[in-house]
Structure formats: C-alpha cells, structure tokens
Amino acid sequence: MASKVKETREQTTEDLNKQLEDSHQELFNLRFRLSTKQLVNHREVRRVKRNIARLKTLLKERELGIRQEGKHGNKA
C-alpha cells in the first residue's frame, strides 16, 4: 500500500485529475450495478470511495503546498 501511495504522489496533477474523473465514473457504474442487483462484490464501492478520497486529499495537499515526508507526517 505504501508503494502505491508513493507512486500516486509522484504523478502529475493532470494525471491525478484524470484518475479522479475515472474513479467517479467507476463509482457511478458500481452504484448502478448495485441498484440493479448485478454487483457481486459490494466491497468494490468502498474501495472506489476510498480511492476518490485519497486522490482528493493529494490534490488538496498540492493546492495548499503541503508535502508529506515519511511515515510520521513530517512536513517539509
């Protein structure tokens, strides 16, 4: 998980915005499948929601100029 977050932090803002857009579309599709009782794994909704929150947090950090270093949240 830590390596995935590190890889995500290294991406450009445009890439993060594209991933956020894709995640919103995926969440829409999952909710549609859930309402039509076609969704088998309900945990997918939670996974996508958390991914959206993670992406929004990274984008907000960049907007505010916050940079996370290490595991203890030291700011540089």
PDB file of N, CA and C in Angstrom:
ATOM      1  N   MET A   1       0.821  -1.187   0.000  1.00  0.00           N
ATOM      2  CA  MET A   1       0.000   0.000   0.000  1.00  0.00           C
ATOM      3  C   MET A   1       0.866   1.253   0.000  1.00  0.00           C
ATOM      4  N   ALA A   2       1.934   1.280   0.775  1.00  0.00           N
ATOM      5  CA  ALA A   2       2.792   2.455   0.861  1.00  0.00           C
ATOM      6  C   ALA A   2       3.438   2.754  -0.481  1.00  0.00           C
ATOM      7  N   SER A   3       3.820   1.721  -1.216  1.00  0.00           N
ATOM      8  CA  SER A   3       4.434   1.949  -2.520  1.00  0.00           C
ATOM      9  C   SER A   3       3.417   2.517  -3.499  1.00  0.00           C
ATOM     10  N   LYS A   4       2.153   2.100  -3.383  1.00  0.00           N
ATOM     11  CA  LYS A   4       1.113   2.620  -4.269  1.00  0.00           C
ATOM     12  C   LYS A   4       0.887   4.105  -3.995  1.00  0.00           C
ATOM     13  N   VAL A   5       0.878   4.496  -2.728  1.00  0.00           N
ATOM     14  CA  VAL A   5       0.704   5.895  -2.371  1.00  0.00           C
ATOM     15  C   VAL A   5       1.896   6.706  -2.878  1.00  0.00           C
ATOM     16  N   LYS A   6       3.093   6.159  -2.738  1.00  0.00           N
ATOM     17  CA  LYS A   6       4.293   6.854  -3.204  1.00  0.00           C
ATOM     18  C   LYS A   6       4.225   7.062  -4.717  1.00  0.00           C
ATOM     19  N   GLU A   7       3.805   6.028  -5.447  1.00  0.00           N
ATOM     20  CA  GLU A   7       3.671   6.151  -6.893  1.00  0.00           C
ATOM     21  C   GLU A   7       2.628   7.197  -7.252  1.00  0.00           C
ATOM     22  N   THR A   8       1.533   7.237  -6.508  1.00  0.00           N
ATOM     23  CA  THR A   8       0.473   8.204  -6.767  1.00  0.00           C
ATOM     24  C   THR A   8       0.971   9.614  -6.505  1.00  0.00           C
ATOM     25  N   ARG A   9       1.742   9.812  -5.451  1.00  0.00           N
ATOM     26  CA  ARG A   9       2.275  11.139  -5.135  1.00  0.00           C
ATOM     27  C   ARG A   9       3.221  11.639  -6.221  1.00  0.00           C
ATOM     28  N   GLU A  10       3.885  10.739  -6.932  1.00  0.00           N
ATOM     29  CA  GLU A  10       4.842  11.129  -7.959  1.00  0.00           C
ATOM     30  C   GLU A  10       4.167  11.501  -9.278  1.00  0.00           C
ATOM     31  N   GLN A  11       2.882  11.262  -9.408  1.00  0.00           N
ATOM     32  CA  GLN A  11       2.181  11.570 -10.644  1.00  0.00           C
ATOM     33  C   GLN A  11       1.893  13.060 -10.754  1.00  0.00           C
ATOM     34  N   THR A  12       1.646  13.510 -11.978  1.00  0.00           N
ATOM     35  CA  THR A  12       1.340  14.913 -12.201  1.00  0.00           C
ATOM     36  C   THR A  12      -0.088  15.207 -11.757  1.00  0.00           C
ATOM     37  N   THR A  13      -0.376  16.465 -11.565  1.00  0.00           N
ATOM     38  CA  THR A  13      -1.713  16.888 -11.155  1.00  0.00           C
ATOM     39  C   THR A  13      -2.738  16.513 -12.217  1.00  0.00           C
ATOM     40  N   GLU A  14      -2.360  16.624 -13.487  1.00  0.00           N
ATOM     41  CA  GLU A  14      -3.275  16.262 -14.566  1.00  0.00           C
ATOM     42  C   GLU A  14      -3.627  14.775 -14.511  1.00  0.00           C
ATOM     43  N   ASP A  15      -2.629  13.947 -14.227  1.00  0.00           N
ATOM     44  CA  ASP A  15      -2.875  12.507 -14.108  1.00  0.00           C
ATOM     45  C   ASP A  15      -3.804  12.203 -12.933  1.00  0.00           C
ATOM     46  N   LEU A  16      -3.597  12.900 -11.829  1.00  0.00           N
ATOM     47  CA  LEU A  16      -4.449  12.686 -10.655  1.00  0.00           C
ATOM     48  C   LEU A  16      -5.888  13.111 -10.947  1.00  0.00           C
ATOM     49  N   ASN A  17      -6.046  14.230 -11.654  1.00  0.00           N
ATOM     50  CA  ASN A  17      -7.388  14.671 -12.024  1.00  0.00           C
ATOM     51  C   ASN A  17      -8.063  13.669 -12.947  1.00  0.00           C
ATOM     52  N   LYS A  18      -7.304  13.088 -13.862  1.00  0.00           N
ATOM     53  CA  LYS A  18      -7.847  12.077 -14.773  1.00  0.00           C
ATOM     54  C   LYS A  18      -8.267  10.832 -13.987  1.00  0.00           C
ATOM     55  N   GLN A  19      -7.426  10.402 -13.042  1.00  0.00           N
ATOM     56  CA  GLN A  19      -7.764   9.250 -12.206  1.00  0.00           C
ATOM     57  C   GLN A  19      -9.007   9.531 -11.367  1.00  0.00           C
ATOM     58  N   LEU A  20      -9.131  10.764 -10.869  1.00  0.00           N
ATOM     59  CA  LEU A  20     -10.300  11.135 -10.077  1.00  0.00           C
ATOM     60  C   LEU A  20     -11.564  11.073 -10.931  1.00  0.00           C
ATOM     61  N   GLU A  21     -11.470  11.574 -12.132  1.00  0.00           N
ATOM     62  CA  GLU A  21     -12.611  11.516 -13.053  1.00  0.00           C
ATOM     63  C   GLU A  21     -12.994  10.065 -13.360  1.00  0.00           C
ATOM     64  N   ASP A  22     -11.991   9.239 -13.622  1.00  0.00           N
ATOM     65  CA  ASP A  22     -12.240   7.819 -13.894  1.00  0.00           C
ATOM     66  C   ASP A  22     -12.864   7.119 -12.688  1.00  0.00           C
ATOM     67  N   SER A  23     -12.398   7.471 -11.494  1.00  0.00           N
ATOM     68  CA  SER A  23     -12.934   6.850 -10.279  1.00  0.00           C
ATOM     69  C   SER A  23     -14.379   7.252 -10.049  1.00  0.00           C
ATOM     70  N   HIS A  24     -14.709   8.506 -10.336  1.00  0.00           N
ATOM     71  CA  HIS A  24     -16.104   8.938 -10.205  1.00  0.00           C
ATOM     72  C   HIS A  24     -16.991   8.178 -11.188  1.00  0.00           C
ATOM     73  N   GLN A  25     -16.497   7.968 -12.400  1.00  0.00           N
ATOM     74  CA  GLN A  25     -17.266   7.211 -13.385  1.00  0.00           C
ATOM     75  C   GLN A  25     -17.431   5.754 -12.938  1.00  0.00           C
ATOM     76  N   GLU A  26     -16.362   5.177 -12.386  1.00  0.00           N
ATOM     77  CA  GLU A  26     -16.431   3.802 -11.888  1.00  0.00           C
ATOM     78  C   GLU A  26     -17.426   3.687 -10.739  1.00  0.00           C
ATOM     79  N   LEU A  27     -17.429   4.677  -9.833  1.00  0.00           N
ATOM     80  CA  LEU A  27     -18.371   4.669  -8.715  1.00  0.00           C
ATOM     81  C   LEU A  27     -19.808   4.752  -9.225  1.00  0.00           C
ATOM     82  N   PHE A  28     -20.032   5.587 -10.229  1.00  0.00           N
ATOM     83  CA  PHE A  28     -21.362   5.688 -10.821  1.00  0.00           C
ATOM     84  C   PHE A  28     -21.805   4.339 -11.372  1.00  0.00           C
ATOM     85  N   ASN A  29     -20.912   3.683 -12.105  1.00  0.00           N
ATOM     86  CA  ASN A  29     -21.237   2.375 -12.685  1.00  0.00           C
ATOM     87  C   ASN A  29     -21.495   1.325 -11.609  1.00  0.00           C
ATOM     88  N   LEU A  30     -20.680   1.347 -10.550  1.00  0.00           N
ATOM     89  CA  LEU A  30     -20.881   0.387  -9.457  1.00  0.00           C
ATOM     90  C   LEU A  30     -22.217   0.618  -8.758  1.00  0.00           C
ATOM     91  N   ARG A  31     -22.562   1.874  -8.532  1.00  0.00           N
ATOM     92  CA  ARG A  31     -23.847   2.171  -7.890  1.00  0.00           C
ATOM     93  C   ARG A  31     -25.016   1.740  -8.771  1.00  0.00           C
ATOM     94  N   PHE A  32     -24.860   1.927 -10.065  1.00  0.00           N
ATOM     95  CA  PHE A  32     -25.900   1.496 -10.990  1.00  0.00           C
ATOM     96  C   PHE A  32     -26.072  -0.020 -10.934  1.00  0.00           C
ATOM     97  N   ARG A  33     -24.931  -0.739 -10.971  1.00  0.00           N
ATOM     98  CA  ARG A  33     -24.990  -2.192 -10.891  1.00  0.00           C
ATOM     99  C   ARG A  33     -25.532  -2.658  -9.550  1.00  0.00           C
ATOM    100  N   LEU A  34     -25.209  -1.914  -8.474  1.00  0.00           N
ATOM    101  CA  LEU A  34     -25.718  -2.261  -7.150  1.00  0.00           C
ATOM    102  C   LEU A  34     -27.236  -2.118  -7.103  1.00  0.00           C
ATOM    103  N   SER A  35     -27.751  -1.053  -7.680  1.00  0.00           N
ATOM    104  CA  SER A  35     -29.196  -0.829  -7.639  1.00  0.00           C
ATOM    105  C   SER A  35     -29.964  -1.814  -8.506  1.00  0.00           C
ATOM    106  N   THR A  36     -29.315  -2.341  -9.547  1.00  0.00           N
ATOM    107  CA  THR A  36     -29.973  -3.331 -10.401  1.00  0.00           C
ATOM    108  C   THR A  36     -29.643  -4.753  -9.970  1.00  0.00           C
ATOM    109  N   LYS A  37     -28.992  -4.873  -8.802  1.00  0.00           N
ATOM    110  CA  LYS A  37     -28.634  -6.176  -8.214  1.00  0.00           C
ATOM    111  C   LYS A  37     -27.726  -7.024  -9.119  1.00  0.00           C
ATOM    112  N   GLN A  38     -26.853  -6.349  -9.850  1.00  0.00           N
ATOM    113  CA  GLN A  38     -25.879  -7.044 -10.699  1.00  0.00           C
ATOM    114  C   GLN A  38     -24.481  -7.050 -10.094  1.00  0.00           C
ATOM    115  N   LEU A  39     -24.298  -6.324  -9.007  1.00  0.00           N
ATOM    116  CA  LEU A  39     -22.989  -6.228  -8.380  1.00  0.00           C
ATOM    117  C   LEU A  39     -22.795  -7.394  -7.415  1.00  0.00           C
ATOM    118  N   VAL A  40     -21.728  -8.151  -7.634  1.00  0.00           N
ATOM    119  CA  VAL A  40     -21.454  -9.322  -6.805  1.00  0.00           C
ATOM    120  C   VAL A  40     -20.646  -8.930  -5.573  1.00  0.00           C
ATOM    121  N   ASN A  41     -19.609  -8.135  -5.760  1.00  0.00           N
ATOM    122  CA  ASN A  41     -18.722  -7.772  -4.663  1.00  0.00           C
ATOM    123  C   ASN A  41     -19.032  -6.339  -4.202  1.00  0.00           C
ATOM    124  N   HIS A  42     -19.731  -6.204  -3.090  1.00  0.00           N
ATOM    125  CA  HIS A  42     -20.139  -4.898  -2.588  1.00  0.00           C
ATOM    126  C   HIS A  42     -18.960  -4.088  -2.058  1.00  0.00           C
ATOM    127  N   ARG A  43     -17.851  -4.742  -1.778  1.00  0.00           N
ATOM    128  CA  ARG A  43     -16.677  -4.044  -1.259  1.00  0.00           C
ATOM    129  C   ARG A  43     -16.035  -3.132  -2.304  1.00  0.00           C
ATOM    130  N   GLU A  44     -16.356  -3.352  -3.575  1.00  0.00           N
ATOM    131  CA  GLU A  44     -15.809  -2.512  -4.630  1.00  0.00           C
ATOM    132  C   GLU A  44     -16.231  -1.056  -4.462  1.00  0.00           C
ATOM    133  N   VAL A  45     -17.455  -0.836  -4.000  1.00  0.00           N
ATOM    134  CA  VAL A  45     -17.951   0.530  -3.794  1.00  0.00           C
ATOM    135  C   VAL A  45     -17.082   1.234  -2.755  1.00  0.00           C
ATOM    136  N   ARG A  46     -16.813   0.559  -1.657  1.00  0.00           N
ATOM    137  CA  ARG A  46     -15.976   1.122  -0.601  1.00  0.00           C
ATOM    138  C   ARG A  46     -14.558   1.399  -1.095  1.00  0.00           C
ATOM    139  N   ARG A  47     -13.992   0.474  -1.873  1.00  0.00           N
ATOM    140  CA  ARG A  47     -12.644   0.645  -2.414  1.00  0.00           C
ATOM    141  C   ARG A  47     -12.561   1.890  -3.293  1.00  0.00           C
ATOM    142  N   VAL A  48     -13.544   2.072  -4.157  1.00  0.00           N
ATOM    143  CA  VAL A  48     -13.530   3.221  -5.070  1.00  0.00           C
ATOM    144  C   VAL A  48     -13.732   4.524  -4.293  1.00  0.00           C
ATOM    145  N   LYS A  49     -14.616   4.512  -3.291  1.00  0.00           N
ATOM    146  CA  LYS A  49     -14.831   5.708  -2.481  1.00  0.00           C
ATOM    147  C   LYS A  49     -13.545   6.122  -1.766  1.00  0.00           C
ATOM    148  N   ARG A  50     -12.840   5.142  -1.238  1.00  0.00           N
ATOM    149  CA  ARG A  50     -11.582   5.443  -0.550  1.00  0.00           C
ATOM    150  C   ARG A  50     -10.532   5.963  -1.527  1.00  0.00           C
ATOM    151  N   ASN A  51     -10.520   5.406  -2.735  1.00  0.00           N
ATOM    152  CA  ASN A  51      -9.583   5.886  -3.744  1.00  0.00           C
ATOM    153  C   ASN A  51      -9.887   7.338  -4.109  1.00  0.00           C
ATOM    154  N   ILE A  52     -11.161   7.672  -4.234  1.00  0.00           N
ATOM    155  CA  ILE A  52     -11.559   9.048  -4.524  1.00  0.00           C
ATOM    156  C   ILE A  52     -11.104   9.975  -3.398  1.00  0.00           C
ATOM    157  N   ALA A  53     -11.309   9.560  -2.162  1.00  0.00           N
ATOM    158  CA  ALA A  53     -10.886  10.368  -1.015  1.00  0.00           C
ATOM    159  C   ALA A  53      -9.370  10.555  -1.012  1.00  0.00           C
ATOM    160  N   ARG A  54      -8.638   9.501  -1.323  1.00  0.00           N
ATOM    161  CA  ARG A  54      -7.175   9.568  -1.366  1.00  0.00           C
ATOM    162  C   ARG A  54      -6.712  10.554  -2.440  1.00  0.00           C
ATOM    163  N   LEU A  55      -7.324  10.483  -3.619  1.00  0.00           N
ATOM    164  CA  LEU A  55      -6.946  11.379  -4.707  1.00  0.00           C
ATOM    165  C   LEU A  55      -7.285  12.832  -4.376  1.00  0.00           C
ATOM    166  N   LYS A  56      -8.463  13.049  -3.791  1.00  0.00           N
ATOM    167  CA  LYS A  56      -8.847  14.403  -3.411  1.00  0.00           C
ATOM    168  C   LYS A  56      -7.901  14.974  -2.359  1.00  0.00           C
ATOM    169  N   THR A  57      -7.469  14.124  -1.420  1.00  0.00           N
ATOM    170  CA  THR A  57      -6.531  14.567  -0.392  1.00  0.00           C
ATOM    171  C   THR A  57      -5.207  14.983  -1.014  1.00  0.00           C
ATOM    172  N   LEU A  58      -4.692  14.186  -1.932  1.00  0.00           N
ATOM    173  CA  LEU A  58      -3.427  14.521  -2.587  1.00  0.00           C
ATOM    174  C   LEU A  58      -3.543  15.818  -3.380  1.00  0.00           C
ATOM    175  N   LEU A  59      -4.659  15.987  -4.085  1.00  0.00           N
ATOM    176  CA  LEU A  59      -4.845  17.215  -4.859  1.00  0.00           C
ATOM    177  C   LEU A  59      -4.949  18.437  -3.939  1.00  0.00           C
ATOM    178  N   LYS A  60      -5.631  18.297  -2.819  1.00  0.00           N
ATOM    179  CA  LYS A  60      -5.763  19.403  -1.870  1.00  0.00           C
ATOM    180  C   LYS A  60      -4.417  19.739  -1.241  1.00  0.00           C
ATOM    181  N   GLU A  61      -3.620  18.705  -0.932  1.00  0.00           N
ATOM    182  CA  GLU A  61      -2.278  18.940  -0.389  1.00  0.00           C
ATOM    183  C   GLU A  61      -1.447  19.751  -1.373  1.00  0.00           C
ATOM    184  N   ARG A  62      -1.537  19.404  -2.645  1.00  0.00           N
ATOM    185  CA  ARG A  62      -0.787  20.152  -3.652  1.00  0.00           C
ATOM    186  C   ARG A  62      -1.297  21.584  -3.762  1.00  0.00           C
ATOM    187  N   GLU A  63      -2.591  21.756  -3.673  1.00  0.00           N
ATOM    188  CA  GLU A  63      -3.181  23.086  -3.768  1.00  0.00           C
ATOM    189  C   GLU A  63      -2.709  23.976  -2.615  1.00  0.00           C
ATOM    190  N   LEU A  64      -2.599  23.395  -1.427  1.00  0.00           N
ATOM    191  CA  LEU A  64      -2.181  24.139  -0.246  1.00  0.00           C
ATOM    192  C   LEU A  64      -0.668  24.187  -0.078  1.00  0.00           C
ATOM    193  N   GLY A  65       0.060  23.447  -0.895  1.00  0.00           N
ATOM    194  CA  GLY A  65       1.512  23.435  -0.803  1.00  0.00           C
ATOM    195  C   GLY A  65       2.039  22.585   0.327  1.00  0.00           C
ATOM    196  N   ILE A  66       1.255  21.597   0.747  1.00  0.00           N
ATOM    197  CA  ILE A  66       1.672  20.690   1.822  1.00  0.00           C
ATOM    198  C   ILE A  66       2.377  19.506   1.189  1.00  0.00           C
ATOM    199  N   ARG A  67       3.511  19.124   1.768  1.00  0.00           N
ATOM    200  CA  ARG A  67       4.247  17.974   1.249  1.00  0.00           C
ATOM    201  C   ARG A  67       4.496  17.009   2.395  1.00  0.00           C
ATOM    202  N   GLN A  68       4.015  15.782   2.250  1.00  0.00           N
ATOM    203  CA  GLN A  68       4.185  14.770   3.292  1.00  0.00           C
ATOM    204  C   GLN A  68       5.498  14.033   3.073  1.00  0.00           C
ATOM    205  N   GLU A  69       6.257  13.837   4.150  1.00  0.00           N
ATOM    206  CA  GLU A  69       7.501  13.088   4.097  1.00  0.00           C
ATOM    207  C   GLU A  69       7.452  11.982   5.132  1.00  0.00           C
ATOM    208  N   GLY A  70       7.794  10.788   4.719  1.00  0.00           N
ATOM    209  CA  GLY A  70       7.912   9.697   5.671  1.00  0.00           C
ATOM    210  C   GLY A  70       6.594   9.252   6.245  1.00  0.00           C
ATOM    211  N   LYS A  71       6.678   8.369   7.228  1.00  0.00           N
ATOM    212  CA  LYS A  71       5.504   7.735   7.815  1.00  0.00           C
ATOM    213  C   LYS A  71       4.863   8.586   8.915  1.00  0.00           C
ATOM    214  N   HIS A  72       5.621   9.479   9.517  1.00  0.00           N
ATOM    215  CA  HIS A  72       5.137  10.221  10.675  1.00  0.00           C
ATOM    216  C   HIS A  72       4.515  11.548  10.298  1.00  0.00           C
ATOM    217  N   GLY A  73       4.371  11.807   9.016  1.00  0.00           N
ATOM    218  CA  GLY A  73       3.707  13.023   8.601  1.00  0.00           C
ATOM    219  C   GLY A  73       4.527  14.284   8.776  1.00  0.00           C
ATOM    220  N   ASN A  74       5.861  14.172   8.760  1.00  0.00           N
ATOM    221  CA  ASN A  74       6.692  15.356   8.854  1.00  0.00           C
ATOM    222  C   ASN A  74       6.491  16.202   7.604  1.00  0.00           C
ATOM    223  N   LYS A  75       6.245  17.471   7.802  1.00  0.00           N
ATOM    224  CA  LYS A  75       6.026  18.364   6.665  1.00  0.00           C
ATOM    225  C   LYS A  75       7.325  19.085   6.350  1.00  0.00           C
ATOM    226  N   ALA A  76       7.573  19.247   5.066  1.00  0.00           N
ATOM    227  CA  ALA A  76       8.787  19.960   4.656  1.00  0.00           C
ATOM    228  C   ALA A  76       8.415  21.230   3.937  1.00  0.00           C
TER     229      ALA A  76
END
